Protein backbone atom coordinates (compact mmCIF):
# COMPACT_ATOMS: atom_id res chain seq x y z
CA MET A 1 -14.85 15.70 -21.22
CA GLU A 2 -16.05 16.30 -17.19
CA HIS A 3 -17.60 12.72 -17.59
CA LYS A 4 -14.32 11.14 -18.99
CA LEU A 5 -12.44 12.74 -15.99
CA LYS A 6 -14.91 11.57 -13.61
CA LYS A 7 -14.61 8.16 -15.04
CA ALA A 8 -10.76 7.97 -14.93
CA LYS A 9 -10.61 9.13 -11.34
CA ILE A 10 -12.94 6.21 -10.38
CA GLN A 11 -10.76 4.04 -12.30
CA LYS A 12 -7.76 5.51 -10.62
CA HIS A 13 -9.39 5.13 -6.97
CA LYS A 14 -10.17 1.85 -7.97
CA LYS A 15 -6.25 0.83 -7.94
CA ILE A 16 -6.19 2.80 -4.63
CA ASN A 17 -8.11 0.18 -3.10
CA VAL A 18 -6.36 -2.82 -4.40
CA PHE A 19 -3.30 -1.10 -2.69
CA ILE A 20 -4.92 -0.50 0.63
CA LEU A 21 -6.11 -4.23 1.24
CA GLU A 22 -2.26 -5.03 0.21
CA ALA A 23 -1.04 -2.77 2.62
CA LEU A 24 -3.32 -3.50 5.38
CA PHE A 25 -2.90 -7.15 4.61
CA PHE A 26 0.19 -7.69 7.12
CA THR A 27 -0.89 -5.23 9.69
CA CYS A 28 -4.74 -5.18 10.41
CA LEU A 29 -6.12 -7.94 8.92
CA MET A 30 -8.67 -6.50 7.22
CA VAL A 31 -10.47 -8.93 4.82
CA PHE A 32 -13.08 -8.32 2.18
CA ALA A 33 -13.38 -11.34 0.51
CA PHE A 34 -14.94 -13.79 3.05
CA GLY A 35 -18.08 -13.44 5.51
CA CYS A 36 -19.81 -14.70 8.85
CA ASP A 37 -23.49 -14.64 9.83
CA GLU A 38 -22.89 -13.52 13.06
CA SER A 39 -23.57 -9.92 14.31
CA LEU A 40 -21.88 -8.74 17.85
CA GLN A 41 -24.59 -8.39 20.60
CA THR A 42 -24.12 -7.07 24.47
CA THR A 43 -24.06 -10.78 25.42
CA SER A 44 -20.49 -12.23 26.03
CA GLY A 45 -18.42 -14.08 27.98
CA ASP A 46 -16.32 -13.28 30.73
CA PHE A 47 -12.31 -12.65 30.25
CA SER A 48 -11.78 -12.53 33.89
CA VAL A 49 -8.31 -14.34 35.62
CA THR A 50 -10.49 -17.66 35.63
CA ASN A 51 -10.67 -17.99 32.10
CA ILE A 52 -7.87 -16.27 30.62
CA ASN A 53 -5.62 -19.60 30.36
CA THR A 54 -8.99 -21.22 28.33
CA SER A 55 -8.97 -18.02 26.03
CA TRP A 56 -5.28 -18.41 25.12
CA SER A 57 -4.89 -21.96 24.70
CA GLU A 58 -7.86 -21.26 22.33
CA ALA A 59 -5.94 -18.96 20.81
CA ARG A 60 -3.30 -20.21 19.86
CA ARG A 61 -5.32 -23.50 18.71
CA ILE A 62 -6.60 -20.96 16.28
CA ILE A 63 -3.48 -19.79 15.17
CA GLN A 64 -1.91 -23.51 14.78
CA ALA A 65 -5.05 -24.61 12.59
CA ALA A 66 -4.49 -21.68 10.34
CA LEU A 67 -1.18 -22.17 9.81
CA ALA A 68 -1.70 -25.17 8.35
CA ASP A 69 -5.20 -23.89 6.50
CA ASN A 70 -6.02 -24.75 2.88
CA ASP A 71 -6.12 -20.65 2.08
CA PRO A 72 -2.86 -19.34 1.53
CA VAL A 73 -4.46 -15.73 2.90
CA VAL A 74 -5.49 -17.80 5.87
CA ARG A 75 -1.95 -19.29 6.75
CA VAL A 76 -0.55 -15.54 5.77
CA HIS A 77 -2.75 -13.79 8.52
CA ALA A 78 -2.09 -16.62 10.87
CA ILE A 79 1.97 -15.89 10.39
CA GLU A 80 1.14 -11.88 10.72
CA VAL A 81 -0.34 -12.60 14.26
CA ILE A 82 2.37 -14.55 15.23
CA ALA A 83 5.14 -12.07 14.48
CA SER A 84 2.93 -9.19 15.53
CA THR A 85 2.45 -10.97 19.05
CA ARG A 86 5.90 -12.15 19.20
CA GLN A 87 5.00 -16.00 19.63
CA LEU A 88 8.52 -17.42 19.06
CA ARG A 89 7.26 -20.87 20.19
CA MET A 90 5.21 -21.01 16.59
CA MET A 91 8.47 -19.68 14.34
CA PRO A 92 9.12 -23.21 13.65
CA GLN A 93 6.01 -23.87 12.25
CA VAL A 94 6.53 -20.43 9.83
CA ARG A 95 10.16 -21.35 9.25
CA GLN A 96 8.41 -24.49 7.24
CA LEU A 97 6.24 -21.79 5.30
CA LEU A 98 9.31 -19.96 3.90
CA GLN A 99 8.60 -23.08 1.15
CA ASP A 100 5.40 -22.71 0.69
CA LYS A 101 4.32 -22.74 -2.91
CA PHE A 102 2.43 -19.04 -2.58
CA VAL A 103 4.09 -15.99 -2.98
CA PRO A 104 2.28 -14.06 -0.22
CA VAL A 105 2.99 -16.75 1.90
CA ARG A 106 7.11 -16.99 1.51
CA PHE A 107 6.92 -12.96 1.69
CA ALA A 108 4.96 -12.90 4.85
CA ALA A 109 6.79 -15.85 6.73
CA ALA A 110 10.57 -14.03 5.63
CA LEU A 111 9.08 -10.77 6.76
CA ALA A 112 8.32 -12.69 10.07
CA VAL A 113 11.66 -14.30 10.38
CA GLY A 114 12.89 -10.40 10.26
CA ASP A 115 10.56 -9.05 12.60
CA LEU A 116 11.30 -11.75 15.15
CA GLU A 117 15.04 -11.77 14.24
CA TYR A 118 14.57 -15.61 14.00
CA SER A 119 18.14 -16.75 13.59
CA PRO A 120 17.48 -20.73 13.18
CA ALA A 121 15.82 -19.60 9.67
CA LYS A 122 18.64 -17.72 8.31
CA LYS A 123 20.22 -20.14 6.23
CA LEU A 124 16.42 -21.31 4.54
CA VAL A 125 15.77 -17.39 4.37
CA SER A 126 19.11 -16.82 2.38
CA GLN A 127 17.56 -19.27 -0.28
CA LEU A 128 14.81 -16.98 -1.05
CA LEU A 129 17.35 -14.15 -2.54
CA GLU A 130 17.10 -16.49 -5.48
CA ASP A 131 13.11 -16.72 -5.34
CA ASN A 132 11.39 -16.39 -8.45
CA ASP A 133 9.62 -13.26 -6.87
CA THR A 134 11.12 -10.19 -6.47
CA ASN A 135 8.98 -9.30 -3.65
CA VAL A 136 9.78 -12.41 -1.90
CA ILE A 137 13.58 -11.61 -2.40
CA LEU A 138 12.70 -7.93 -0.65
CA ALA A 139 11.48 -9.84 2.60
CA ALA A 140 14.34 -12.51 2.12
CA ALA A 141 16.64 -9.19 2.12
CA TYR A 142 14.74 -7.24 4.97
CA ALA A 143 15.17 -10.40 7.17
CA LEU A 144 18.75 -11.06 6.62
CA GLY A 145 19.35 -7.01 7.48
CA LYS A 146 17.29 -7.64 10.74
CA LEU A 147 19.51 -10.70 11.84
CA GLY A 148 22.88 -8.76 11.34
CA SER A 149 23.48 -9.19 7.36
CA PHE A 150 23.05 -5.27 6.95
CA GLU A 151 24.68 -5.24 3.16
CA TYR A 152 21.19 -6.51 2.51
CA LEU A 153 19.59 -3.50 3.09
CA GLU A 154 21.10 -2.19 -0.54
CA VAL A 155 18.80 -4.79 -2.12
CA LEU A 156 15.58 -2.53 -0.40
CA ARG A 157 17.49 0.72 -1.54
CA LYS A 158 17.66 -0.42 -4.99
CA ALA A 159 14.20 -1.75 -5.48
CA ALA A 160 12.85 1.81 -4.15
CA ALA A 161 13.44 2.98 -7.57
CA ASN A 162 11.99 -0.05 -9.92
CA GLN A 163 9.29 0.48 -12.16
CA ASP A 164 6.82 -2.22 -10.80
CA GLN A 165 5.42 -0.19 -8.19
CA LYS A 166 4.46 -3.32 -6.11
CA VAL A 167 7.77 -3.41 -5.67
CA ARG A 168 8.70 -0.34 -5.14
CA ALA A 169 5.80 0.33 -2.27
CA ASN A 170 7.16 -3.08 -0.66
CA ALA A 171 10.79 -1.69 -0.51
CA ALA A 172 9.53 1.41 0.95
CA LEU A 173 7.58 -0.61 3.49
CA LEU A 174 10.81 -2.93 4.27
CA LEU A 175 13.03 -0.11 4.82
CA GLY A 176 10.90 1.49 7.31
CA LYS A 177 10.34 -1.66 9.20
CA SER A 178 14.58 -2.12 8.98
CA GLY A 179 14.82 0.75 11.07
CA ASP A 180 17.62 2.59 8.76
CA LYS A 181 16.98 6.24 9.33
CA SER A 182 19.75 6.55 6.64
CA SER A 183 17.52 5.82 4.00
CA LEU A 184 15.07 8.72 4.98
CA LYS A 185 16.41 10.58 2.06
CA LEU A 186 15.52 8.01 -0.61
CA LEU A 187 12.23 7.59 0.89
CA TRP A 188 11.43 11.47 0.72
CA HIS A 189 13.00 10.76 -3.04
CA THR A 190 10.33 8.33 -3.86
CA LEU A 191 7.57 9.70 -2.12
CA GLN A 192 7.79 13.13 -4.21
CA ASP A 193 8.89 10.95 -7.39
CA LYS A 194 6.13 11.42 -10.17
CA ASN A 195 6.72 8.00 -11.14
CA SER A 196 5.46 6.98 -8.08
CA ASP A 197 2.00 5.67 -8.25
CA ASP A 198 -0.33 6.31 -4.89
CA ARG A 199 0.55 2.86 -3.47
CA ALA A 200 3.96 3.85 -3.39
CA VAL A 201 3.64 7.37 -2.23
CA TYR A 202 1.47 5.93 0.82
CA GLN A 203 4.07 3.30 1.75
CA SER A 204 6.70 5.77 1.54
CA ALA A 205 4.89 7.98 3.86
CA GLU A 206 4.46 5.37 6.30
CA ALA A 207 8.20 4.47 6.04
CA ILE A 208 9.18 7.85 7.17
CA ALA A 209 6.46 7.59 9.99
CA MET A 210 8.40 4.29 11.20
CA LEU A 211 11.57 6.34 10.87
CA GLY A 212 10.26 9.08 13.11
CA ASP A 213 10.67 11.92 10.74
CA ARG A 214 8.08 14.29 12.27
CA GLN A 215 8.44 16.20 8.97
CA ILE A 216 5.95 13.72 7.52
CA TYR A 217 2.69 15.01 9.55
CA PRO A 218 1.54 17.25 6.84
CA LYS A 219 1.54 14.63 4.45
CA LEU A 220 -0.48 12.26 6.64
CA TRP A 221 -2.76 15.09 7.47
CA THR A 222 -3.82 15.09 3.66
CA MET A 223 -4.61 11.74 3.82
CA LEU A 224 -6.81 12.23 7.16
CA ILE A 225 -8.86 14.80 5.57
CA SER A 226 -8.82 12.46 1.99
CA ALA A 227 -12.54 11.79 0.52
CA TYR A 228 -11.80 8.47 0.52
CA ALA A 229 -12.18 6.03 3.87
CA ASP A 230 -9.53 3.61 2.81
CA VAL A 231 -7.00 6.55 2.34
CA ARG A 232 -8.28 7.88 5.81
CA VAL A 233 -7.64 4.58 7.03
CA MET A 234 -3.80 4.49 5.63
CA GLY A 235 -3.47 7.82 7.24
CA VAL A 236 -4.91 6.75 10.69
CA GLY A 237 -2.47 3.88 10.61
CA SER A 238 0.47 6.31 9.57
CA MET A 239 0.00 8.73 12.66
CA GLY A 240 -0.23 5.79 14.66
CA THR A 241 2.97 4.86 13.32
CA LEU A 242 4.38 8.53 13.77
CA GLY A 243 2.68 8.41 17.37
CA THR A 244 4.05 11.94 18.15
CA PRO A 245 1.87 14.10 20.43
CA GLU A 246 0.43 15.85 17.33
CA ALA A 247 -0.40 12.94 15.56
CA LYS A 248 -2.17 11.56 18.89
CA ASP A 249 -4.40 14.39 18.82
CA ALA A 250 -5.05 13.89 15.33
CA LEU A 251 -6.04 10.64 15.80
CA ILE A 252 -8.78 11.87 18.38
CA THR A 253 -10.22 13.99 15.69
CA MET A 254 -10.71 10.72 13.45
CA LEU A 255 -12.77 9.15 16.16
CA ASP A 256 -15.44 11.71 14.72
CA ASP A 257 -15.28 10.05 11.68
CA ASP A 258 -18.62 9.15 9.43
CA VAL A 259 -17.13 6.11 8.66
CA LEU A 260 -17.43 3.25 11.66
CA GLU A 261 -14.25 1.25 10.27
CA VAL A 262 -12.19 4.51 10.38
CA ARG A 263 -13.13 5.03 13.96
CA LEU A 264 -12.17 1.72 14.64
CA VAL A 265 -9.01 1.72 13.41
CA ALA A 266 -8.46 5.38 15.00
CA ALA A 267 -9.45 3.76 18.46
CA GLN A 268 -7.06 0.67 17.63
CA GLN A 269 -4.21 3.10 16.89
CA LEU A 270 -4.65 5.26 20.20
CA GLY A 271 -4.68 1.83 22.03
CA MET A 272 -1.32 1.23 20.59
CA LEU A 273 -0.05 4.42 22.12
CA LYS A 274 -1.72 3.56 25.39
CA ASP A 275 -4.89 5.57 24.91
CA THR A 276 -8.13 4.45 25.51
CA THR A 277 -10.03 7.50 24.67
CA GLY A 278 -11.59 5.24 21.68
CA GLU A 279 -13.23 2.77 24.25
CA LEU A 280 -16.86 3.84 23.93
CA GLU A 281 -16.34 3.68 19.78
CA VAL A 282 -15.92 -0.01 20.40
CA LEU A 283 -18.49 -0.67 22.89
CA ASP A 284 -20.97 0.97 20.99
CA VAL A 285 -20.26 -1.69 18.37
CA PHE A 286 -21.84 -4.28 21.29
CA GLU A 287 -23.67 -2.00 22.89
CA LYS A 288 -25.87 -0.60 19.97
CA ASN A 289 -25.41 -3.67 17.92
CA LEU A 290 -23.96 -1.75 14.93
CA THR A 291 -23.55 -4.76 12.48
CA VAL A 292 -26.97 -5.84 12.79
CA ARG A 293 -27.92 -4.53 9.67
CA MET A 294 -24.61 -5.24 7.37
CA ASP A 295 -24.12 -7.19 4.82
CA VAL A 296 -22.13 -10.18 5.31
CA ILE A 297 -18.79 -8.74 4.04
CA ALA A 298 -19.54 -5.59 5.78
CA ARG A 299 -19.79 -7.49 9.02
CA GLU A 300 -16.62 -9.26 9.09
CA ARG A 301 -14.55 -6.30 7.88
CA VAL A 302 -16.47 -4.53 11.47
CA ASN A 303 -15.77 -7.73 13.77
CA VAL A 304 -12.23 -7.94 12.74
CA LEU A 305 -11.44 -4.08 13.62
CA THR A 306 -13.52 -4.55 16.27
CA ALA A 307 -11.00 -7.58 17.69
CA LEU A 308 -7.77 -5.58 16.72
CA ALA A 309 -9.05 -2.84 18.60
CA ILE A 310 -9.84 -4.47 21.78
CA GLY A 311 -6.44 -6.07 21.33
CA ARG A 312 -4.80 -2.63 21.58
CA ILE A 313 -6.97 -0.99 24.28
CA ALA A 314 -7.18 -3.83 26.40
CA THR A 315 -9.48 -3.05 29.27
CA PRO A 316 -11.56 -5.51 30.81
CA SER A 317 -14.91 -3.91 29.70
CA LEU A 318 -14.06 -4.63 26.09
CA ALA A 319 -11.51 -7.83 26.54
CA LYS A 320 -14.65 -9.60 28.19
CA PHE A 321 -16.26 -9.66 24.56
CA LEU A 322 -13.29 -12.15 22.99
CA PRO A 323 -14.26 -15.39 23.75
CA LYS A 324 -17.84 -14.76 21.80
CA LEU A 325 -15.44 -13.16 18.70
CA LEU A 326 -13.04 -16.72 19.17
CA LYS A 327 -16.01 -18.54 18.18
CA SER A 328 -16.76 -16.61 15.44
CA GLU A 329 -17.96 -18.80 12.02
CA SER A 330 -15.22 -16.46 10.20
CA LYS A 331 -11.57 -17.65 10.33
CA PHE A 332 -10.39 -13.85 10.03
CA VAL A 333 -12.94 -12.51 12.76
CA ARG A 334 -10.94 -15.94 14.72
CA LEU A 335 -7.49 -15.00 14.05
CA ALA A 336 -8.17 -11.22 14.68
CA ALA A 337 -9.35 -12.39 18.30
CA ALA A 338 -6.84 -14.62 18.84
CA LYS A 339 -4.10 -11.94 18.05
CA ALA A 340 -6.26 -9.58 20.69
CA VAL A 341 -6.05 -12.39 23.19
CA PHE A 342 -2.20 -12.45 23.09
CA GLN A 343 -2.16 -8.47 23.48
CA CYS A 344 -4.57 -8.64 26.22
CA THR A 345 -2.63 -11.40 28.42
CA ALA A 346 0.61 -9.86 27.44
CA ARG A 347 -0.65 -6.51 29.26
């Protein structure tokens, strides 16, 4: 009996792992399926005033190439970078991807239209309300809501009770992103619903944090003390989203986590809150060459998270490593570094 319970728990956690990857897909570019061979050494380029323009131009080139990449996952990440760094000049290319044949690309493109309130794409995104995929319809409804057609938020509210757990989780995510605080009661119901699986529960918790409800803190804390690193990463991200002094203190404690990836995400979230406390954790990746003994997949994952943390912390001592990361063999590390360049130069 004990063996069967343990096996069931492992199988359940595998499902959580899949969800964690999907949930982070559009927010922190964690990539687990592709590799690169380089480790991060202390030698680097100098991200000084003299080459900021060069790095920015290289970052833009990387994003433009990624938008046309044959791999739909690369296109999705490129769209996320454009939306999160508000590169409005690239939105005409994103607009074209609303008609991409791959569902995640259409989903990401519709989200970008909403996030940037890009009205030139309103007519085209409206057509996605007839899409064959329910998740794309949700993204279209979110975009239209952000563009002023608030009645479409009702599509998201209804989907929060959908029996398809991925649809339910995405509905929760988009309600949080919409800023519609009248949806808080519904999100709490989804969080506490016994029919919600872990993906829906975690996404509802983050959505509640997005809407600034401080009562979500205890739930987020239970995620931080999970035995599973991927759940802790989700909790760290949600704490950063909540952004209260209490949440910030909790993030600082996560800089002592046993898992490097958790520490890097905590440093990134603190940086988002204008706190550079995690700078030393990121510097350790270079100065202690922490990736040298990692396998290809783990190394890439850490390199991506390192670049993302640099973008949020944006201190000169970290930004100087971006030129090297921009030249990574991994498309995903280059995309994360490009995002960091845009964030650093914006400051």
